[in-house]
Amino acid sequence: SLHDALPIYVTAASLAISGVSANGRAYDGTSVAALTGSASVTPLGSDSVSVIGSGVGSFADKHVGTGKPVTVSGFTLSGPSAGNYLPLQPSGLTADITAANLTLTTSAVAKGYDGTTAAAGTTMVGSGTLFAGDTLSGGAFAYLDKHAGTGKSVTVGGVTVNDGNGGGNYVVTYADNTTSSISAAPLSVSAS
């Protein structure tokens, strides 16, 4: 008979997880996106289904940007009727990554008087954080004046931040080093 020949298949219904949003944040060198809210579902009829697990949000990349899409994973379904559903992770979430503040300076510089303001500085982070994988290169350093003395200022500028985004993941400012020195040159006196 016809009833014996045709099996009946019931497929699980998709169930969208909602109630979650993504938080914007300052650049931190990662693609992690913090989620807020309480994940929930609305099952069919009187089915009993709840959301469990910790949702994880991820930006497509780590770089600064506005309205960046956030992908969510990690939520699962629980309850007596959970097997009747396929969970759909929250979608359509966006958030911003803003530039991190970074102040660059130089270590103290010491040299003998040579009549110039040239300084052989070494760039270092004065405040803020240079995040893992990002590097600094280059830089121009100069004493404010050429005269011998201690507690002298050395200016810093022209440093390149290598962050995979043309330096755009940081707002860079510079701070002079104020503990540098120029020692007096020895003076030779000869009798004529």
Protein backbone atom coordinates (compact mmCIF):
# COMPACT_ATOMS: atom_id res chain seq x y z
CA SER A 1 0.00 0.00 0.00
CA LEU A 2 0.99 3.64 -0.39
CA HIS A 3 1.28 4.13 3.38
CA ASP A 4 4.01 1.51 3.69
CA ALA A 5 6.16 2.85 0.83
CA LEU A 6 6.67 6.48 1.80
CA PRO A 7 8.65 7.33 4.93
CA ILE A 8 7.87 10.60 6.68
CA TYR A 9 10.76 12.92 7.57
CA VAL A 10 10.56 15.81 10.01
CA THR A 11 13.44 18.29 9.88
CA ALA A 12 14.47 20.55 12.74
CA ALA A 13 13.24 24.13 12.56
CA SER A 14 15.70 27.03 12.66
CA LEU A 15 15.48 29.09 15.84
CA ALA A 16 17.10 32.55 15.91
CA ILE A 17 18.95 33.56 19.06
CA SER A 18 18.35 37.23 19.90
CA GLY A 19 18.81 39.70 22.76
CA VAL A 20 22.55 40.17 22.27
CA SER A 21 24.48 43.20 21.05
CA ALA A 22 28.19 43.95 20.52
CA ASN A 23 30.13 46.62 22.42
CA GLY A 24 32.54 49.02 20.76
CA ARG A 25 36.02 49.40 22.22
CA ALA A 26 39.45 50.90 21.74
CA TYR A 27 42.02 49.04 19.65
CA ASP A 28 43.73 46.29 21.65
CA GLY A 29 45.50 44.26 18.96
CA THR A 30 42.81 41.52 18.88
CA SER A 31 39.62 40.84 16.95
CA VAL A 32 37.62 39.99 20.10
CA ALA A 33 34.24 41.75 20.41
CA ALA A 34 32.53 41.89 23.80
CA LEU A 35 28.87 40.90 23.83
CA THR A 36 26.16 42.28 26.12
CA GLY A 37 22.56 41.40 26.75
CA SER A 38 20.76 38.20 27.54
CA ALA A 39 20.50 35.62 24.77
CA SER A 40 16.99 34.27 24.28
CA VAL A 41 14.80 32.37 21.82
CA THR A 42 11.09 32.20 21.01
CA PRO A 43 10.22 28.57 20.19
CA LEU A 44 7.03 27.44 18.48
CA GLY A 45 3.88 26.89 20.50
CA SER A 46 4.45 25.54 23.99
CA ASP A 47 7.93 24.11 23.25
CA SER A 48 10.41 24.51 26.09
CA VAL A 49 13.79 25.74 24.80
CA SER A 50 16.43 27.96 26.37
CA VAL A 51 19.85 29.29 25.39
CA ILE A 52 23.01 28.07 27.11
CA GLY A 53 26.71 28.58 26.55
CA SER A 54 28.88 31.64 26.39
CA GLY A 55 28.60 33.61 23.20
CA VAL A 56 31.83 34.77 21.63
CA GLY A 57 31.96 37.84 19.39
CA SER A 58 34.61 38.39 16.73
CA PHE A 59 35.39 41.27 14.41
CA ALA A 60 36.60 40.26 10.92
CA ASP A 61 39.96 41.89 11.74
CA LYS A 62 41.68 43.78 14.58
CA HIS A 63 41.85 47.20 12.89
CA VAL A 64 40.11 50.49 13.70
CA GLY A 65 36.79 51.08 11.95
CA THR A 66 33.17 52.10 12.43
CA GLY A 67 30.16 49.84 12.06
CA LYS A 68 32.35 46.75 11.80
CA PRO A 69 30.39 43.47 11.46
CA VAL A 70 30.60 41.13 14.46
CA THR A 71 30.23 37.35 14.06
CA VAL A 72 28.83 35.42 17.02
CA SER A 73 29.40 31.78 17.95
CA GLY A 74 29.15 29.60 21.06
CA PHE A 75 25.45 29.69 21.95
CA THR A 76 23.58 26.36 22.05
CA LEU A 77 20.03 25.28 22.86
CA SER A 78 18.81 23.35 25.87
CA GLY A 79 15.49 22.05 27.16
CA PRO A 80 13.01 19.24 26.42
CA SER A 81 12.23 20.55 22.92
CA ALA A 82 15.77 21.66 21.97
CA GLY A 83 16.27 18.69 19.61
CA ASN A 84 13.50 20.03 17.37
CA TYR A 85 15.52 23.15 16.52
CA LEU A 86 18.75 24.27 14.89
CA PRO A 87 20.21 27.34 16.64
CA LEU A 88 20.90 30.41 14.51
CA GLN A 89 23.58 32.53 16.17
CA PRO A 90 22.78 36.25 16.58
CA SER A 91 23.42 38.12 13.32
CA GLY A 92 23.51 41.67 12.01
CA LEU A 93 25.62 42.90 14.95
CA THR A 94 28.08 45.76 14.44
CA ALA A 95 30.39 47.77 16.70
CA ASP A 96 33.25 50.27 16.42
CA ILE A 97 36.95 49.89 17.15
CA THR A 98 38.49 53.27 17.98
CA ALA A 99 42.20 54.17 17.89
CA ALA A 100 44.26 53.58 21.03
CA ASN A 101 46.29 56.45 22.51
CA LEU A 102 50.06 56.01 22.37
CA THR A 103 52.68 58.49 23.59
CA LEU A 104 56.20 57.97 22.31
CA THR A 105 59.41 59.34 23.80
CA THR A 106 63.10 58.42 23.84
CA SER A 107 65.38 57.00 26.45
CA ALA A 108 67.84 59.51 27.94
CA VAL A 109 70.56 60.57 25.52
CA ALA A 110 74.09 61.53 26.54
CA LYS A 111 76.81 62.90 24.29
CA GLY A 112 79.86 65.11 24.34
CA TYR A 113 79.56 68.66 23.05
CA ASP A 114 79.91 68.72 19.26
CA GLY A 115 78.30 72.04 18.35
CA THR A 116 75.09 70.41 17.01
CA THR A 117 71.66 69.44 18.32
CA ALA A 118 71.92 65.94 16.83
CA ALA A 119 70.80 63.21 19.23
CA ALA A 120 70.99 59.42 18.91
CA GLY A 121 67.69 58.54 20.59
CA THR A 122 65.90 55.23 20.98
CA THR A 123 62.12 55.30 20.63
CA MET A 124 60.15 53.91 23.54
CA VAL A 125 56.55 53.97 24.74
CA GLY A 126 55.99 56.72 27.33
CA SER A 127 52.31 55.91 27.97
CA GLY A 128 49.68 53.70 26.43
CA THR A 129 50.39 50.23 25.07
CA LEU A 130 52.03 49.07 21.87
CA PHE A 131 50.09 45.84 21.39
CA ALA A 132 51.53 42.44 20.50
CA GLY A 133 52.55 42.16 16.86
CA ASP A 134 52.85 45.94 16.39
CA THR A 135 56.28 47.56 16.16
CA LEU A 136 57.95 50.97 15.97
CA SER A 137 60.60 52.04 13.48
CA GLY A 138 62.50 55.16 12.51
CA GLY A 139 62.32 58.42 14.37
CA ALA A 140 64.05 61.79 14.46
CA PHE A 141 65.67 63.03 17.67
CA ALA A 142 67.22 66.39 18.54
CA TYR A 143 68.31 68.39 21.57
CA LEU A 144 66.46 71.68 21.97
CA ASP A 145 69.83 73.48 21.94
CA LYS A 146 73.49 72.59 21.37
CA HIS A 147 74.86 73.76 24.73
CA ALA A 148 76.45 71.52 27.37
CA GLY A 149 74.37 70.75 30.44
CA THR A 150 72.21 68.22 32.28
CA GLY A 151 68.43 67.88 32.43
CA LYS A 152 68.32 68.73 28.74
CA SER A 153 65.30 68.01 26.53
CA VAL A 154 65.45 65.76 23.47
CA THR A 155 62.52 65.91 21.06
CA VAL A 156 61.07 62.90 19.25
CA GLY A 157 59.16 62.76 15.99
CA GLY A 158 58.75 60.90 12.73
CA VAL A 159 58.29 57.44 14.27
CA THR A 160 56.48 54.87 12.11
CA VAL A 161 53.96 52.59 13.83
CA ASN A 162 53.86 49.25 12.02
CA ASP A 163 50.40 47.89 12.89
CA GLY A 164 49.15 46.50 9.57
CA ASN A 165 46.89 49.54 9.21
CA GLY A 166 49.34 52.29 8.26
CA GLY A 167 49.56 53.39 11.91
CA GLY A 168 45.80 54.06 11.94
CA ASN A 169 45.16 51.88 14.99
CA TYR A 170 46.84 54.50 17.22
CA VAL A 171 46.60 58.20 17.98
CA VAL A 172 50.30 58.99 18.42
CA THR A 173 51.63 61.88 20.48
CA TYR A 174 55.23 62.64 21.37
CA ALA A 175 56.83 63.58 24.70
CA ASP A 176 60.31 65.06 25.04
CA ASN A 177 62.87 63.26 27.19
CA THR A 178 63.95 65.80 29.84
CA THR A 179 66.79 63.85 31.48
CA SER A 180 69.35 63.95 28.68
CA SER A 181 72.77 65.62 28.83
CA ILE A 182 75.59 67.13 26.80
CA SER A 183 78.98 67.05 28.47
CA ALA A 184 81.49 69.86 27.91
CA ALA A 185 84.19 69.19 25.35
CA PRO A 186 87.74 69.19 26.66
CA LEU A 187 89.61 72.28 25.69
CA SER A 188 93.23 72.06 24.69
CA VAL A 189 95.37 75.05 25.46
CA SER A 190 98.76 75.28 23.89
CA ALA A 191 101.45 77.81 24.57
CA SER A 192 102.80 79.73 21.65
